[in-house]
């Protein structure tokens, strides 16, 4: 059986990024990890993940100032890890 730590490691995202995806999609972190692993295998996957991270960062800035810095940091890390996005 895989643990949450294993699923996070296989997802292609950091725990911080997965928390943002889970929050945005209103799903458990382990489901977000499965989603990320599947989506990142598709050509447009990084752009889809980026859009979710960007949307969650904006929501955090608008409503949850305590986590806004974490969301923005996760988005920056994701963009650095995916230079094909052109940022």
PDB file of N, CA and C in Angstrom:
ATOM      1  N   UNK A   1       0.843  -1.175   0.000  1.00  0.00           N
ATOM      2  CA  UNK A   1       0.000   0.000   0.000  1.00  0.00           C
ATOM      3  C   UNK A   1       0.891   1.242   0.000  1.00  0.00           C
ATOM      4  N   UNK A   2       0.524   2.208  -0.800  1.00  0.00           N
ATOM      5  CA  UNK A   2       1.264   3.467  -0.851  1.00  0.00           C
ATOM      6  C   UNK A   2       0.772   4.411   0.241  1.00  0.00           C
ATOM      7  N   UNK A   3       1.705   5.113   0.831  1.00  0.00           N
ATOM      8  CA  UNK A   3       1.351   6.119   1.831  1.00  0.00           C
ATOM      9  C   UNK A   3       1.146   7.462   1.138  1.00  0.00           C
ATOM     10  N   UNK A   4       0.643   8.421   1.879  1.00  0.00           N
ATOM     11  CA  UNK A   4       0.491   9.770   1.349  1.00  0.00           C
ATOM     12  C   UNK A   4       1.849  10.315   0.914  1.00  0.00           C
ATOM     13  N   UNK A   5       2.879  10.061   1.691  1.00  0.00           N
ATOM     14  CA  UNK A   5       4.236  10.522   1.356  1.00  0.00           C
ATOM     15  C   UNK A   5       4.673   9.933   0.014  1.00  0.00           C
ATOM     16  N   UNK A   6       4.391   8.650  -0.214  1.00  0.00           N
ATOM     17  CA  UNK A   6       4.715   8.015  -1.488  1.00  0.00           C
ATOM     18  C   UNK A   6       3.960   8.682  -2.635  1.00  0.00           C
ATOM     19  N   UNK A   7       2.683   8.908  -2.442  1.00  0.00           N
ATOM     20  CA  UNK A   7       1.860   9.521  -3.488  1.00  0.00           C
ATOM     21  C   UNK A   7       2.342  10.931  -3.815  1.00  0.00           C
ATOM     22  N   UNK A   8       2.725  11.676  -2.803  1.00  0.00           N
ATOM     23  CA  UNK A   8       3.270  13.016  -3.030  1.00  0.00           C
ATOM     24  C   UNK A   8       4.547  12.925  -3.852  1.00  0.00           C
ATOM     25  N   UNK A   9       5.405  11.982  -3.512  1.00  0.00           N
ATOM     26  CA  UNK A   9       6.669  11.824  -4.235  1.00  0.00           C
ATOM     27  C   UNK A   9       6.445  11.479  -5.704  1.00  0.00           C
ATOM     28  N   UNK A  10       5.434  10.688  -6.000  1.00  0.00           N
ATOM     29  CA  UNK A  10       5.138  10.292  -7.381  1.00  0.00           C
ATOM     30  C   UNK A  10       4.378  11.357  -8.163  1.00  0.00           C
ATOM     31  N   UNK A  11       3.826  12.345  -7.490  1.00  0.00           N
ATOM     32  CA  UNK A  11       2.910  13.299  -8.132  1.00  0.00           C
ATOM     33  C   UNK A  11       3.586  14.285  -9.071  1.00  0.00           C
ATOM     34  N   UNK A  12       4.844  14.595  -8.816  1.00  0.00           N
ATOM     35  CA  UNK A  12       5.517  15.622  -9.614  1.00  0.00           C
ATOM     36  C   UNK A  12       5.360  17.019  -9.044  1.00  0.00           C
ATOM     37  N   UNK A  13       4.679  17.142  -7.915  1.00  0.00           N
ATOM     38  CA  UNK A  13       4.491  18.432  -7.266  1.00  0.00           C
ATOM     39  C   UNK A  13       5.036  18.369  -5.838  1.00  0.00           C
ATOM     40  N   UNK A  14       5.278  19.531  -5.278  1.00  0.00           N
ATOM     41  CA  UNK A  14       5.703  19.603  -3.884  1.00  0.00           C
ATOM     42  C   UNK A  14       4.469  19.466  -2.982  1.00  0.00           C
ATOM     43  N   UNK A  15       4.672  19.151  -1.710  1.00  0.00           N
ATOM     44  CA  UNK A  15       3.529  19.108  -0.791  1.00  0.00           C
ATOM     45  C   UNK A  15       2.760  20.435  -0.749  1.00  0.00           C
ATOM     46  N   UNK A  16       3.480  21.524  -0.808  1.00  0.00           N
ATOM     47  CA  UNK A  16       2.863  22.857  -0.809  1.00  0.00           C
ATOM     48  C   UNK A  16       1.964  23.038  -2.035  1.00  0.00           C
ATOM     49  N   UNK A  17       2.465  22.624  -3.202  1.00  0.00           N
ATOM     50  CA  UNK A  17       1.691  22.744  -4.430  1.00  0.00           C
ATOM     51  C   UNK A  17       0.467  21.837  -4.392  1.00  0.00           C
ATOM     52  N   UNK A  18       0.630  20.632  -3.858  1.00  0.00           N
ATOM     53  CA  UNK A  18      -0.507  19.725  -3.748  1.00  0.00           C
ATOM     54  C   UNK A  18      -1.566  20.266  -2.801  1.00  0.00           C
ATOM     55  N   UNK A  19      -1.146  20.898  -1.724  1.00  0.00           N
ATOM     56  CA  UNK A  19      -2.112  21.511  -0.807  1.00  0.00           C
ATOM     57  C   UNK A  19      -2.929  22.580  -1.530  1.00  0.00           C
ATOM     58  N   UNK A  20      -2.265  23.363  -2.379  1.00  0.00           N
ATOM     59  CA  UNK A  20      -2.966  24.399  -3.137  1.00  0.00           C
ATOM     60  C   UNK A  20      -3.957  23.780  -4.116  1.00  0.00           C
ATOM     61  N   UNK A  21      -3.552  22.725  -4.816  1.00  0.00           N
ATOM     62  CA  UNK A  21      -4.450  22.034  -5.751  1.00  0.00           C
ATOM     63  C   UNK A  21      -5.640  21.457  -4.994  1.00  0.00           C
ATOM     64  N   UNK A  22      -5.367  20.788  -3.884  1.00  0.00           N
ATOM     65  CA  UNK A  22      -6.432  20.176  -3.092  1.00  0.00           C
ATOM     66  C   UNK A  22      -7.426  21.225  -2.592  1.00  0.00           C
ATOM     67  N   UNK A  23      -6.903  22.344  -2.152  1.00  0.00           N
ATOM     68  CA  UNK A  23      -7.767  23.424  -1.667  1.00  0.00           C
ATOM     69  C   UNK A  23      -8.616  23.981  -2.807  1.00  0.00           C
ATOM     70  N   UNK A  24      -8.001  24.233  -3.945  1.00  0.00           N
ATOM     71  CA  UNK A  24      -8.710  24.819  -5.081  1.00  0.00           C
ATOM     72  C   UNK A  24      -9.791  23.875  -5.606  1.00  0.00           C
ATOM     73  N   UNK A  25      -9.466  22.585  -5.687  1.00  0.00           N
ATOM     74  CA  UNK A  25     -10.397  21.610  -6.246  1.00  0.00           C
ATOM     75  C   UNK A  25     -11.326  21.000  -5.191  1.00  0.00           C
ATOM     76  N   UNK A  26     -11.117  21.356  -3.918  1.00  0.00           N
ATOM     77  CA  UNK A  26     -11.931  20.833  -2.816  1.00  0.00           C
ATOM     78  C   UNK A  26     -11.885  19.307  -2.779  1.00  0.00           C
ATOM     79  N   UNK A  27     -10.653  18.782  -2.835  1.00  0.00           N
ATOM     80  CA  UNK A  27     -10.435  17.337  -2.792  1.00  0.00           C
ATOM     81  C   UNK A  27      -9.331  17.037  -1.779  1.00  0.00           C
ATOM     82  N   UNK A  28      -9.250  15.801  -1.305  1.00  0.00           N
ATOM     83  CA  UNK A  28      -8.164  15.438  -0.387  1.00  0.00           C
ATOM     84  C   UNK A  28      -6.799  15.519  -1.088  1.00  0.00           C
ATOM     85  N   UNK A  29      -5.765  15.742  -0.322  1.00  0.00           N
ATOM     86  CA  UNK A  29      -4.411  15.860  -0.871  1.00  0.00           C
ATOM     87  C   UNK A  29      -4.007  14.623  -1.659  1.00  0.00           C
ATOM     88  N   UNK A  30      -4.368  13.459  -1.183  1.00  0.00           N
ATOM     89  CA  UNK A  30      -3.976  12.239  -1.880  1.00  0.00           C
ATOM     90  C   UNK A  30      -4.643  12.153  -3.260  1.00  0.00           C
ATOM     91  N   UNK A  31      -5.859  12.646  -3.383  1.00  0.00           N
ATOM     92  CA  UNK A  31      -6.546  12.686  -4.678  1.00  0.00           C
ATOM     93  C   UNK A  31      -5.890  13.731  -5.571  1.00  0.00           C
ATOM     94  N   UNK A  32      -5.472  14.851  -4.989  1.00  0.00           N
ATOM     95  CA  UNK A  32      -4.754  15.873  -5.756  1.00  0.00           C
ATOM     96  C   UNK A  32      -3.440  15.321  -6.291  1.00  0.00           C
ATOM     97  N   UNK A  33      -2.773  14.480  -5.504  1.00  0.00           N
ATOM     98  CA  UNK A  33      -1.518  13.863  -5.950  1.00  0.00           C
ATOM     99  C   UNK A  33      -1.768  12.953  -7.146  1.00  0.00           C
ATOM    100  N   UNK A  34      -2.821  12.176  -7.090  1.00  0.00           N
ATOM    101  CA  UNK A  34      -3.170  11.296  -8.207  1.00  0.00           C
ATOM    102  C   UNK A  34      -3.517  12.125  -9.445  1.00  0.00           C
ATOM    103  N   UNK A  35      -4.301  13.186  -9.251  1.00  0.00           N
ATOM    104  CA  UNK A  35      -4.667  14.073 -10.355  1.00  0.00           C
ATOM    105  C   UNK A  35      -3.423  14.663 -10.996  1.00  0.00           C
ATOM    106  N   UNK A  36      -2.511  15.181 -10.177  1.00  0.00           N
ATOM    107  CA  UNK A  36      -1.300  15.828 -10.701  1.00  0.00           C
ATOM    108  C   UNK A  36      -0.452  14.853 -11.503  1.00  0.00           C
ATOM    109  N   UNK A  37      -0.270  13.659 -10.992  1.00  0.00           N
ATOM    110  CA  UNK A  37       0.541  12.678 -11.713  1.00  0.00           C
ATOM    111  C   UNK A  37      -0.064  12.388 -13.078  1.00  0.00           C
ATOM    112  N   UNK A  38      -1.372  12.238 -13.132  1.00  0.00           N
ATOM    113  CA  UNK A  38      -2.055  11.955 -14.402  1.00  0.00           C
ATOM    114  C   UNK A  38      -1.974  13.146 -15.350  1.00  0.00           C
ATOM    115  N   UNK A  39      -2.280  14.336 -14.858  1.00  0.00           N
ATOM    116  CA  UNK A  39      -2.323  15.531 -15.705  1.00  0.00           C
ATOM    117  C   UNK A  39      -0.944  15.884 -16.248  1.00  0.00           C
ATOM    118  N   UNK A  40       0.090  15.741 -15.426  1.00  0.00           N
ATOM    119  CA  UNK A  40       1.432  16.129 -15.871  1.00  0.00           C
ATOM    120  C   UNK A  40       1.986  15.212 -16.955  1.00  0.00           C
ATOM    121  N   UNK A  41       1.340  14.081 -17.206  1.00  0.00           N
ATOM    122  CA  UNK A  41       1.752  13.195 -18.295  1.00  0.00           C
ATOM    123  C   UNK A  41       1.242  13.663 -19.658  1.00  0.00           C
ATOM    124  N   UNK A  42       0.352  14.632 -19.682  1.00  0.00           N
ATOM    125  CA  UNK A  42      -0.230  15.132 -20.930  1.00  0.00           C
ATOM    126  C   UNK A  42       0.525  16.377 -21.405  1.00  0.00           C
ATOM    127  N   UNK A  43       0.567  16.599 -22.717  1.00  0.00           N
ATOM    128  CA  UNK A  43       1.307  17.757 -23.245  1.00  0.00           C
ATOM    129  C   UNK A  43       0.880  19.093 -22.637  1.00  0.00           C
ATOM    130  N   UNK A  44      -0.401  19.282 -22.414  1.00  0.00           N
ATOM    131  CA  UNK A  44      -0.884  20.539 -21.835  1.00  0.00           C
ATOM    132  C   UNK A  44      -0.993  20.481 -20.317  1.00  0.00           C
ATOM    133  N   UNK A  45      -0.523  19.391 -19.721  1.00  0.00           N
ATOM    134  CA  UNK A  45      -0.642  19.208 -18.283  1.00  0.00           C
ATOM    135  C   UNK A  45       0.011  20.276 -17.434  1.00  0.00           C
ATOM    136  N   UNK A  46       1.277  20.626 -17.725  1.00  0.00           N
ATOM    137  CA  UNK A  46       1.893  21.684 -16.916  1.00  0.00           C
ATOM    138  C   UNK A  46       1.113  23.001 -16.956  1.00  0.00           C
ATOM    139  N   UNK A  47       0.562  23.341 -18.104  1.00  0.00           N
ATOM    140  CA  UNK A  47      -0.227  24.575 -18.200  1.00  0.00           C
ATOM    141  C   UNK A  47      -1.506  24.467 -17.367  1.00  0.00           C
ATOM    142  N   UNK A  48      -2.111  23.283 -17.338  1.00  0.00           N
ATOM    143  CA  UNK A  48      -3.317  23.079 -16.533  1.00  0.00           C
ATOM    144  C   UNK A  48      -3.003  23.194 -15.045  1.00  0.00           C
ATOM    145  N   UNK A  49      -1.903  22.580 -14.619  1.00  0.00           N
ATOM    146  CA  UNK A  49      -1.504  22.672 -13.210  1.00  0.00           C
ATOM    147  C   UNK A  49      -1.162  24.116 -12.869  1.00  0.00           C
ATOM    148  N   UNK A  50      -0.447  24.780 -13.758  1.00  0.00           N
ATOM    149  CA  UNK A  50      -0.100  26.184 -13.516  1.00  0.00           C
ATOM    150  C   UNK A  50      -1.356  27.025 -13.327  1.00  0.00           C
ATOM    151  N   UNK A  51      -2.375  26.800 -14.158  1.00  0.00           N
ATOM    152  CA  UNK A  51      -3.613  27.569 -14.052  1.00  0.00           C
ATOM    153  C   UNK A  51      -4.283  27.356 -12.698  1.00  0.00           C
ATOM    154  N   UNK A  52      -4.283  26.121 -12.207  1.00  0.00           N
ATOM    155  CA  UNK A  52      -4.866  25.833 -10.894  1.00  0.00           C
ATOM    156  C   UNK A  52      -4.060  26.526  -9.796  1.00  0.00           C
ATOM    157  N   UNK A  53      -2.734  26.415  -9.862  1.00  0.00           N
ATOM    158  CA  UNK A  53      -1.892  27.054  -8.846  1.00  0.00           C
ATOM    159  C   UNK A  53      -2.051  28.572  -8.872  1.00  0.00           C
ATOM    160  N   UNK A  54      -2.139  29.124 -10.059  1.00  0.00           N
ATOM    161  CA  UNK A  54      -2.308  30.571 -10.190  1.00  0.00           C
ATOM    162  C   UNK A  54      -3.668  31.012  -9.639  1.00  0.00           C
ATOM    163  N   UNK A  55      -4.710  30.259  -9.956  1.00  0.00           N
ATOM    164  CA  UNK A  55      -6.042  30.598  -9.452  1.00  0.00           C
ATOM    165  C   UNK A  55      -6.100  30.510  -7.936  1.00  0.00           C
ATOM    166  N   UNK A  56      -5.482  29.466  -7.372  1.00  0.00           N
ATOM    167  CA  UNK A  56      -5.491  29.323  -5.915  1.00  0.00           C
ATOM    168  C   UNK A  56      -4.668  30.425  -5.250  1.00  0.00           C
ATOM    169  N   UNK A  57      -3.557  30.806  -5.874  1.00  0.00           N
ATOM    170  CA  UNK A  57      -2.748  31.904  -5.327  1.00  0.00           C
ATOM    171  C   UNK A  57      -3.548  33.201  -5.317  1.00  0.00           C
ATOM    172  N   UNK A  58      -4.314  33.446  -6.379  1.00  0.00           N
ATOM    173  CA  UNK A  58      -5.139  34.654  -6.437  1.00  0.00           C
ATOM    174  C   UNK A  58      -6.234  34.604  -5.366  1.00  0.00           C
ATOM    175  N   UNK A  59      -6.887  33.453  -5.240  1.00  0.00           N
ATOM    176  CA  UNK A  59      -7.915  33.319  -4.204  1.00  0.00           C
ATOM    177  C   UNK A  59      -7.329  33.531  -2.816  1.00  0.00           C
ATOM    178  N   UNK A  60      -6.150  32.986  -2.605  1.00  0.00           N
ATOM    179  CA  UNK A  60      -5.500  33.143  -1.303  1.00  0.00           C
ATOM    180  C   UNK A  60      -5.196  34.607  -1.031  1.00  0.00           C
ATOM    181  N   UNK A  61      -4.725  35.308  -2.048  1.00  0.00           N
ATOM    182  CA  UNK A  61      -4.437  36.740  -1.861  1.00  0.00           C
ATOM    183  C   UNK A  61      -5.713  37.519  -1.556  1.00  0.00           C
ATOM    184  N   UNK A  62      -6.801  37.123  -2.192  1.00  0.00           N
ATOM    185  CA  UNK A  62      -8.063  37.835  -2.002  1.00  0.00           C
ATOM    186  C   UNK A  62      -8.750  37.501  -0.677  1.00  0.00           C
ATOM    187  N   UNK A  63      -8.561  36.261  -0.186  1.00  0.00           N
ATOM    188  CA  UNK A  63      -9.373  35.815   0.946  1.00  0.00           C
ATOM    189  C   UNK A  63      -8.607  35.203   2.110  1.00  0.00           C
ATOM    190  N   UNK A  64      -7.445  34.661   1.851  1.00  0.00           N
ATOM    191  CA  UNK A  64      -6.722  33.919   2.885  1.00  0.00           C
ATOM    192  C   UNK A  64      -5.281  34.421   2.969  1.00  0.00           C
ATOM    193  N   UNK A  65      -5.102  35.600   3.442  1.00  0.00           N
ATOM    194  CA  UNK A  65      -3.783  36.220   3.449  1.00  0.00           C
ATOM    195  C   UNK A  65      -2.737  35.385   4.174  1.00  0.00           C
ATOM    196  N   UNK A  66      -3.150  34.575   5.126  1.00  0.00           N
ATOM    197  CA  UNK A  66      -2.191  33.772   5.882  1.00  0.00           C
ATOM    198  C   UNK A  66      -1.493  32.735   5.008  1.00  0.00           C
ATOM    199  N   UNK A  67      -2.162  32.255   3.964  1.00  0.00           N
ATOM    200  CA  UNK A  67      -1.540  31.243   3.097  1.00  0.00           C
ATOM    201  C   UNK A  67      -1.135  31.794   1.738  1.00  0.00           C
ATOM    202  N   UNK A  68      -1.361  33.061   1.502  1.00  0.00           N
ATOM    203  CA  UNK A  68      -1.064  33.652   0.195  1.00  0.00           C
ATOM    204  C   UNK A  68       0.404  33.509  -0.182  1.00  0.00           C
ATOM    205  N   UNK A  69       1.300  33.725   0.753  1.00  0.00           N
ATOM    206  CA  UNK A  69       2.732  33.617   0.455  1.00  0.00           C
ATOM    207  C   UNK A  69       3.102  32.191   0.088  1.00  0.00           C
ATOM    208  N   UNK A  70       2.529  31.208   0.765  1.00  0.00           N
ATOM    209  CA  UNK A  70       2.799  29.805   0.435  1.00  0.00           C
ATOM    210  C   UNK A  70       2.314  29.472  -0.966  1.00  0.00           C
ATOM    211  N   UNK A  71       1.131  29.942  -1.321  1.00  0.00           N
ATOM    212  CA  UNK A  71       0.588  29.675  -2.657  1.00  0.00           C
ATOM    213  C   UNK A  71       1.446  30.340  -3.729  1.00  0.00           C
ATOM    214  N   UNK A  72       1.839  31.567  -3.516  1.00  0.00           N
ATOM    215  CA  UNK A  72       2.672  32.274  -4.490  1.00  0.00           C
ATOM    216  C   UNK A  72       4.025  31.581  -4.633  1.00  0.00           C
ATOM    217  N   UNK A  73       4.582  31.127  -3.529  1.00  0.00           N
ATOM    218  CA  UNK A  73       5.866  30.418  -3.563  1.00  0.00           C
ATOM    219  C   UNK A  73       5.731  29.110  -4.344  1.00  0.00           C
ATOM    220  N   UNK A  74       4.662  28.376  -4.114  1.00  0.00           N
ATOM    221  CA  UNK A  74       4.432  27.129  -4.834  1.00  0.00           C
ATOM    222  C   UNK A  74       4.291  27.353  -6.329  1.00  0.00           C
ATOM    223  N   UNK A  75       3.604  28.419  -6.714  1.00  0.00           N
ATOM    224  CA  UNK A  75       3.459  28.759  -8.138  1.00  0.00           C
ATOM    225  C   UNK A  75       4.816  29.090  -8.746  1.00  0.00           C
ATOM    226  N   UNK A  76       5.627  29.863  -8.050  1.00  0.00           N
ATOM    227  CA  UNK A  76       6.972  30.205  -8.549  1.00  0.00           C
ATOM    228  C   UNK A  76       7.820  28.951  -8.732  1.00  0.00           C
ATOM    229  N   UNK A  77       7.803  28.057  -7.750  1.00  0.00           N
ATOM    230  CA  UNK A  77       8.571  26.818  -7.849  1.00  0.00           C
ATOM    231  C   UNK A  77       8.116  25.978  -9.036  1.00  0.00           C
ATOM    232  N   UNK A  78       6.800  25.908  -9.243  1.00  0.00           N
ATOM    233  CA  UNK A  78       6.277  25.124 -10.351  1.00  0.00           C
ATOM    234  C   UNK A  78       6.734  25.715 -11.677  1.00  0.00           C
ATOM    235  N   UNK A  79       6.658  27.017 -11.809  1.00  0.00           N
ATOM    236  CA  UNK A  79       7.095  27.662 -13.057  1.00  0.00           C
ATOM    237  C   UNK A  79       8.589  27.442 -13.295  1.00  0.00           C
ATOM    238  N   UNK A  80       9.399  27.462 -12.267  1.00  0.00           N
ATOM    239  CA  UNK A  80      10.827  27.196 -12.431  1.00  0.00           C
ATOM    240  C   UNK A  80      11.084  25.760 -12.864  1.00  0.00           C
ATOM    241  N   UNK A  81      10.274  24.842 -12.374  1.00  0.00           N
ATOM    242  CA  UNK A  81      10.436  23.429 -12.709  1.00  0.00           C
ATOM    243  C   UNK A  81       9.908  23.096 -14.103  1.00  0.00           C
ATOM    244  N   UNK A  82       9.116  24.005 -14.688  1.00  0.00           N
ATOM    245  CA  UNK A  82       8.517  23.775 -16.002  1.00  0.00           C
ATOM    246  C   UNK A  82       8.802  24.953 -16.926  1.00  0.00           C
ATOM    247  N   UNK A  83      10.042  25.072 -17.396  1.00  0.00           N
ATOM    248  CA  UNK A  83      10.402  26.207 -18.263  1.00  0.00           C
ATOM    249  C   UNK A  83       9.653  26.225 -19.587  1.00  0.00           C
ATOM    250  N   UNK A  84       9.061  25.088 -19.976  1.00  0.00           N
ATOM    251  CA  UNK A  84       8.299  25.057 -21.227  1.00  0.00           C
ATOM    252  C   UNK A  84       7.064  25.951 -21.182  1.00  0.00           C
ATOM    253  N   UNK A  85       6.677  26.403 -20.004  1.00  0.00           N
ATOM    254  CA  UNK A  85       5.541  27.304 -19.881  1.00  0.00           C
ATOM    255  C   UNK A  85       5.880  28.722 -20.317  1.00  0.00           C
ATOM    256  N   UNK A  86       7.164  29.012 -20.436  1.00  0.00           N
ATOM    257  CA  UNK A  86       7.587  30.313 -20.958  1.00  0.00           C
ATOM    258  C   UNK A  86       7.569  31.463 -19.968  1.00  0.00           C
ATOM    259  N   UNK A  87       7.696  31.156 -18.688  1.00  0.00           N
ATOM    260  CA  UNK A  87       7.706  32.247 -17.684  1.00  0.00           C
ATOM    261  C   UNK A  87       9.107  32.501 -17.212  1.00  0.00           C
TER     262      UNK A  87
END
